[in-house]
């Protein structure tokens, strides 16, 4: 029969264990649907500024363009929607008539305005991607911090219970109760240590109705969320470094190889749908994909720089 001292010590150990488990069950916010990164207005793009489908035929029919601009610059001009303006400008600048010279200034101003618009489209999309990446990282960091506190609390409790067990076994003289306290305390202390060793499955309901990753993953011909100019560049092989595949295809392959390599197909739907229950690692993966995509979008500025330099010559 256990002594009163033994019962008190075992009860204290058990209460400490149960209290620690209950304190670790506190949940993070149940739903995160505040998509503050999305544009507050719907953009309407001028149909006259959209790219032409048969650009090779246009280039072959106008040698004046190919003499002054590289194929790379002409494809970007098509993406921006200024290819007809470039053709007019090339013709007007060869003329000596004062009216044509004045008209060429007007055409050049139209071209610069559209290049400015293209630059703001790149900047706006990059800002949204950056914001979405930071939003995912912020919640992931929140979950990581909760896990860190959880591990620290479990480790401290394990040490305290281990020390208390040692003291209790030293104070209890009877052999039977001494063994009961020693074994019970050791089991509870080991259990706390084991809990600390396992990663948490804590999750949050993270929403993204406007998902900038979806079109890159599904590879549609047209996008409802990307500006037409950006989508054209991302899907034209000429703008990739090797030229074998489009930028969007290469991004998708990098995601498959380096981010989603061990992720089952059912879990992949989490990233490319409208949201769901994310764990910290899932949110870090999403942030990584958004950051990779943001870098590719920002790199379009390099193509714009080439075209502006060609125009200034």
Protein backbone atom coordinates (compact mmCIF):
# COMPACT_ATOMS: atom_id res chain seq x y z
CA UNK A 1 0.00 0.00 0.00
CA UNK A 2 1.35 3.38 -1.02
CA UNK A 3 2.20 5.86 1.72
CA UNK A 4 0.50 9.31 1.78
CA UNK A 5 3.82 10.90 0.77
CA UNK A 6 4.06 8.64 -2.25
CA UNK A 7 0.51 9.51 -3.35
CA UNK A 8 1.19 13.22 -3.02
CA UNK A 9 4.39 13.04 -5.07
CA UNK A 10 2.84 10.91 -7.81
CA UNK A 11 -0.21 13.19 -7.93
CA UNK A 12 2.05 16.23 -8.25
CA UNK A 13 3.98 14.60 -11.08
CA UNK A 14 0.78 13.62 -12.90
CA UNK A 15 -0.80 17.05 -12.46
CA UNK A 16 2.37 18.68 -13.80
CA UNK A 17 2.31 16.43 -16.85
CA UNK A 18 -1.40 17.00 -17.60
CA UNK A 19 -1.10 20.74 -17.06
CA UNK A 20 1.82 20.97 -19.46
CA UNK A 21 -0.10 19.07 -22.15
CA UNK A 22 -3.18 21.26 -21.69
CA UNK A 23 -1.10 24.45 -21.93
CA UNK A 24 0.36 23.26 -25.27
CA UNK A 25 -3.03 22.83 -26.92
CA UNK A 26 -3.73 26.53 -27.34
CA UNK A 27 -4.53 27.12 -30.99
CA UNK A 28 -3.42 29.93 -33.32
CA UNK A 29 -6.01 32.01 -35.18
CA UNK A 30 -8.56 29.67 -36.74
CA UNK A 31 -8.82 31.41 -40.13
CA UNK A 32 -6.67 33.87 -42.03
CA UNK A 33 -8.70 35.28 -44.91
CA UNK A 34 -7.43 38.86 -44.90
CA UNK A 35 -5.99 39.01 -48.44
CA UNK A 36 -4.66 42.53 -48.07
CA UNK A 37 -2.10 41.98 -50.84
CA UNK A 38 -4.64 41.83 -53.69
CA UNK A 39 -5.25 44.95 -55.83
CA UNK A 40 -8.11 47.09 -54.57
CA UNK A 41 -9.36 47.78 -58.13
CA UNK A 42 -9.87 45.76 -61.30
CA UNK A 43 -7.53 46.76 -64.12
CA UNK A 44 -8.87 47.20 -67.65
CA UNK A 45 -6.28 46.75 -70.42
CA UNK A 46 -6.57 48.51 -73.77
CA UNK A 47 -7.13 45.97 -76.54
CA UNK A 48 -4.98 48.08 -78.89
CA UNK A 49 -1.99 47.50 -76.60
CA UNK A 50 -2.13 43.71 -76.72
CA UNK A 51 0.47 41.60 -78.49
CA UNK A 52 0.05 40.41 -82.08
CA UNK A 53 -0.06 36.63 -82.64
CA UNK A 54 2.02 36.40 -85.86
CA UNK A 55 4.98 38.58 -84.98
CA UNK A 56 7.40 36.67 -87.21
CA UNK A 57 5.37 37.63 -90.27
CA UNK A 58 5.37 41.28 -89.18
CA UNK A 59 9.14 41.29 -88.67
CA UNK A 60 9.82 39.63 -92.03
CA UNK A 61 7.61 42.14 -93.81
CA UNK A 62 9.41 45.20 -92.40
CA UNK A 63 13.19 45.18 -92.79
CA UNK A 64 13.37 48.70 -91.36
CA UNK A 65 12.57 47.26 -87.94
CA UNK A 66 15.08 44.42 -88.11
CA UNK A 67 17.87 46.79 -89.17
CA UNK A 68 17.44 48.90 -86.06
CA UNK A 69 16.11 46.49 -83.42
CA UNK A 70 17.13 42.99 -82.39
CA UNK A 71 14.66 40.14 -82.47
CA UNK A 72 14.63 40.17 -78.67
CA UNK A 73 13.67 43.87 -78.59
CA UNK A 74 10.98 43.39 -81.25
CA UNK A 75 9.39 40.54 -79.32
CA UNK A 76 9.33 42.70 -76.20
CA UNK A 77 7.85 45.57 -78.23
CA UNK A 78 5.14 43.15 -79.27
CA UNK A 79 4.55 42.21 -75.62
CA UNK A 80 4.20 45.86 -74.65
CA UNK A 81 1.93 46.52 -77.64
CA UNK A 82 4.12 49.13 -79.33
CA UNK A 83 5.15 47.21 -82.45
CA UNK A 84 2.82 49.25 -84.74
CA UNK A 85 4.12 52.44 -83.12
CA UNK A 86 7.71 51.35 -83.76
CA UNK A 87 6.91 50.73 -87.42
CA UNK A 88 5.39 54.21 -87.71
CA UNK A 89 8.30 55.81 -85.87
CA UNK A 90 10.87 54.13 -88.12
CA UNK A 91 9.07 55.40 -91.21
CA UNK A 92 8.56 58.94 -89.88
CA UNK A 93 12.19 59.35 -88.77
CA UNK A 94 13.37 58.63 -92.31
CA UNK A 95 11.23 61.47 -93.64
CA UNK A 96 12.49 65.04 -94.01
CA UNK A 97 9.06 66.68 -93.92
CA UNK A 98 8.54 68.94 -90.88
CA UNK A 99 5.07 67.48 -90.27
CA UNK A 100 6.49 63.95 -90.18
CA UNK A 101 9.27 65.01 -87.83
CA UNK A 102 6.68 66.50 -85.49
CA UNK A 103 4.56 63.35 -85.75
CA UNK A 104 7.61 61.21 -84.89
CA UNK A 105 7.97 63.12 -81.61
CA UNK A 106 4.34 62.34 -80.84
CA UNK A 107 4.85 58.63 -81.66
CA UNK A 108 7.94 58.47 -79.48
CA UNK A 109 5.99 59.96 -76.57
CA UNK A 110 3.28 57.31 -77.01
CA UNK A 111 5.93 54.61 -76.97
CA UNK A 112 7.51 55.97 -73.79
CA UNK A 113 4.10 56.17 -72.12
CA UNK A 114 3.44 52.51 -72.86
CA UNK A 115 6.88 51.53 -71.65
CA UNK A 116 6.15 53.38 -68.43
CA UNK A 117 2.88 51.47 -68.13
CA UNK A 118 4.72 48.19 -68.67
CA UNK A 119 7.20 49.14 -65.96
CA UNK A 120 4.39 49.87 -63.48
CA UNK A 121 2.73 46.54 -64.33
CA UNK A 122 5.96 44.73 -63.48
CA UNK A 123 6.40 46.72 -60.27
CA UNK A 124 2.78 46.22 -59.22
CA UNK A 125 2.85 42.47 -59.76
CA UNK A 126 6.23 42.13 -58.04
CA UNK A 127 4.87 44.09 -55.06
CA UNK A 128 1.87 41.77 -54.80
CA UNK A 129 4.12 38.70 -54.98
CA UNK A 130 6.39 40.19 -52.32
CA UNK A 131 3.41 40.95 -50.09
CA UNK A 132 1.98 37.44 -50.47
CA UNK A 133 5.37 35.93 -49.68
CA UNK A 134 5.71 38.08 -46.57
CA UNK A 135 2.15 37.17 -45.51
CA UNK A 136 2.93 33.45 -45.72
CA UNK A 137 6.29 33.91 -43.96
CA UNK A 138 4.70 35.93 -41.18
CA UNK A 139 2.24 33.16 -40.29
CA UNK A 140 4.95 30.51 -40.69
CA UNK A 141 7.14 32.43 -38.25
CA UNK A 142 4.20 32.63 -35.84
CA UNK A 143 3.82 28.84 -35.94
CA UNK A 144 7.59 28.34 -35.62
CA UNK A 145 7.68 30.55 -32.54
CA UNK A 146 4.83 28.60 -30.96
CA UNK A 147 6.74 25.37 -31.63
CA UNK A 148 9.89 26.86 -30.11
CA UNK A 149 7.98 27.81 -26.95
CA UNK A 150 6.43 24.36 -26.88
CA UNK A 151 9.82 22.61 -27.07
CA UNK A 152 11.32 24.95 -24.46
CA UNK A 153 8.41 24.37 -22.07
CA UNK A 154 8.55 20.60 -22.51
CA UNK A 155 12.31 20.55 -21.99
CA UNK A 156 12.08 22.61 -18.79
CA UNK A 157 9.26 20.44 -17.45
CA UNK A 158 11.23 17.29 -18.25
CA UNK A 159 14.27 18.62 -16.34
CA UNK A 160 12.17 19.78 -13.38
CA UNK A 161 10.26 16.50 -13.13
CA UNK A 162 13.51 14.55 -13.41
CA UNK A 163 15.02 16.56 -10.58
CA UNK A 164 11.86 16.22 -8.47
CA UNK A 165 11.89 12.46 -9.00
CA UNK A 166 15.50 12.25 -7.87
CA UNK A 167 14.77 14.23 -4.72
CA UNK A 168 11.65 12.19 -3.98
CA UNK A 169 13.43 8.85 -4.30
CA UNK A 170 16.11 10.12 -1.95
CA UNK A 171 13.53 11.15 0.69
CA UNK A 172 11.39 8.00 0.55
CA UNK A 173 12.96 5.22 2.59
CA UNK A 174 10.61 2.34 1.75
CA UNK A 175 11.81 0.26 -1.16
CA UNK A 176 8.40 -0.25 -2.85
CA UNK A 177 7.21 3.38 -2.93
CA UNK A 178 10.74 4.46 -3.85
CA UNK A 179 10.62 2.32 -6.98
CA UNK A 180 7.10 3.47 -7.88
CA UNK A 181 8.07 7.13 -7.68
CA UNK A 182 11.33 6.54 -9.56
CA UNK A 183 9.66 4.63 -12.39
CA UNK A 184 6.65 6.95 -12.61
CA UNK A 185 8.75 10.10 -12.63
CA UNK A 186 11.13 8.61 -15.18
CA UNK A 187 8.27 7.66 -17.51
CA UNK A 188 6.69 11.09 -17.32
CA UNK A 189 10.04 12.86 -17.80
CA UNK A 190 10.85 10.63 -20.78
CA UNK A 191 7.38 11.28 -22.21
CA UNK A 192 7.93 15.03 -22.05
CA UNK A 193 11.33 14.63 -23.68
CA UNK A 194 9.77 12.52 -26.41
CA UNK A 195 7.07 15.12 -27.08
CA UNK A 196 9.76 17.77 -27.46
CA UNK A 197 11.57 15.63 -30.03
CA UNK A 198 8.57 15.40 -32.35
CA UNK A 199 7.59 18.31 -34.59
CA UNK A 200 4.25 19.97 -34.05
CA UNK A 201 1.31 19.43 -36.39
CA UNK A 202 -0.15 22.82 -35.54
CA UNK A 203 -1.90 24.38 -38.56
CA UNK A 204 -3.90 27.46 -39.59
CA UNK A 205 -6.58 27.96 -42.22
CA UNK A 206 -4.76 30.21 -44.70
CA UNK A 207 -6.77 31.62 -47.63
CA UNK A 208 -5.67 32.99 -51.04
CA UNK A 209 -8.62 33.32 -53.43
CA UNK A 210 -6.43 35.28 -55.87
CA UNK A 211 -3.61 32.79 -56.22
CA UNK A 212 -0.65 33.96 -58.29
CA UNK A 213 0.89 30.48 -58.26
CA UNK A 214 -2.04 28.75 -59.97
CA UNK A 215 -1.52 29.90 -63.58
CA UNK A 216 2.20 29.11 -63.44
CA UNK A 217 1.34 25.59 -62.31
CA UNK A 218 -1.53 24.99 -64.77
CA UNK A 219 0.14 26.78 -67.73
CA UNK A 220 -3.00 28.19 -69.44
CA UNK A 221 -2.66 30.15 -72.69
CA UNK A 222 -4.23 33.23 -71.10
CA UNK A 223 -4.19 34.43 -67.51
CA UNK A 224 -6.92 36.21 -65.58
CA UNK A 225 -4.58 37.55 -62.86
CA UNK A 226 -1.38 38.49 -64.72
CA UNK A 227 -1.07 41.60 -66.91
CA UNK A 228 -1.08 40.51 -70.60
CA UNK A 229 2.41 41.93 -71.16
CA UNK A 230 3.91 40.01 -68.23
CA UNK A 231 2.12 36.80 -69.19
CA UNK A 232 3.40 37.08 -72.77
CA UNK A 233 7.01 37.42 -71.60
CA UNK A 234 6.71 34.56 -69.12
CA UNK A 235 5.40 32.25 -71.83
CA UNK A 236 7.61 33.20 -74.80
CA UNK A 237 10.66 30.93 -75.17
CA UNK A 238 12.76 33.76 -76.59
CA UNK A 239 12.91 35.48 -73.19
CA UNK A 240 14.39 32.52 -71.32
CA UNK A 241 18.16 32.24 -71.11
CA UNK A 242 18.40 28.95 -73.00
CA UNK A 243 15.38 29.44 -75.25
CA UNK A 244 14.29 25.81 -75.06
CA UNK A 245 11.34 26.40 -72.73
CA UNK A 246 9.38 29.43 -71.55
CA UNK A 247 10.18 31.12 -68.23
CA UNK A 248 6.89 29.95 -66.69
CA UNK A 249 7.67 26.33 -67.61
CA UNK A 250 11.15 26.59 -66.08
CA UNK A 251 9.71 28.06 -62.87
CA UNK A 252 7.23 25.17 -62.65
CA UNK A 253 10.02 22.64 -63.12
CA UNK A 254 12.09 24.23 -60.35
CA UNK A 255 9.10 24.03 -58.03
CA UNK A 256 8.67 20.35 -58.85
CA UNK A 257 12.34 19.52 -58.39
CA UNK A 258 13.28 21.62 -55.36
CA UNK A 259 10.12 22.56 -53.45
CA UNK A 260 7.46 19.92 -54.14
CA UNK A 261 9.72 16.92 -54.68
CA UNK A 262 8.42 15.00 -51.64
CA UNK A 263 4.94 16.56 -51.56
CA UNK A 264 2.06 14.19 -52.52
CA UNK A 265 -0.32 15.36 -55.32
CA UNK A 266 -3.18 15.86 -52.88
CA UNK A 267 -1.02 18.21 -50.81
CA UNK A 268 0.01 20.17 -53.92
CA UNK A 269 -3.59 21.28 -54.34
CA UNK A 270 -3.16 23.24 -51.12
CA UNK A 271 -0.65 25.57 -52.78
CA UNK A 272 -2.48 26.08 -56.07
CA UNK A 273 -6.09 26.20 -54.90
CA UNK A 274 -7.82 28.85 -52.81
CA UNK A 275 -6.27 27.88 -49.51
CA UNK A 276 -6.66 25.39 -46.69
CA UNK A 277 -4.98 24.15 -43.53
CA UNK A 278 -1.29 25.08 -43.68
CA UNK A 279 1.47 23.94 -41.37
CA UNK A 280 4.62 26.01 -40.91
CA UNK A 281 6.64 24.04 -43.49
CA UNK A 282 3.82 24.42 -46.04
CA UNK A 283 3.80 28.18 -45.55
CA UNK A 284 7.57 28.36 -45.94
CA UNK A 285 7.25 26.39 -49.20
CA UNK A 286 4.59 28.77 -50.46
CA UNK A 287 6.72 31.79 -49.57
CA UNK A 288 9.70 30.27 -51.41
CA UNK A 289 7.66 29.74 -54.57
CA UNK A 290 6.31 33.28 -54.45
CA UNK A 291 9.81 34.68 -53.99
CA UNK A 292 11.14 32.69 -56.95
CA UNK A 293 8.28 33.94 -59.10
CA UNK A 294 8.84 37.51 -57.96
CA UNK A 295 12.48 37.36 -59.05
CA UNK A 296 11.48 36.17 -62.52
CA UNK A 297 8.91 38.95 -62.87
CA UNK A 298 11.40 41.61 -61.77
CA UNK A 299 13.93 40.33 -64.31
CA UNK A 300 11.62 41.55 -67.12
CA UNK A 301 13.02 44.99 -66.32
CA UNK A 302 16.27 43.80 -67.93
CA UNK A 303 14.40 43.23 -71.19
CA UNK A 304 12.78 46.66 -70.91
CA UNK A 305 16.18 48.25 -70.43
CA UNK A 306 17.42 46.69 -73.67
CA UNK A 307 14.46 48.09 -75.62
CA UNK A 308 14.81 51.58 -74.09
CA UNK A 309 18.50 51.62 -75.00
CA UNK A 310 17.66 50.65 -78.57
CA UNK A 311 15.11 53.47 -78.73
CA UNK A 312 17.57 56.02 -77.43
CA UNK A 313 20.12 55.28 -80.14
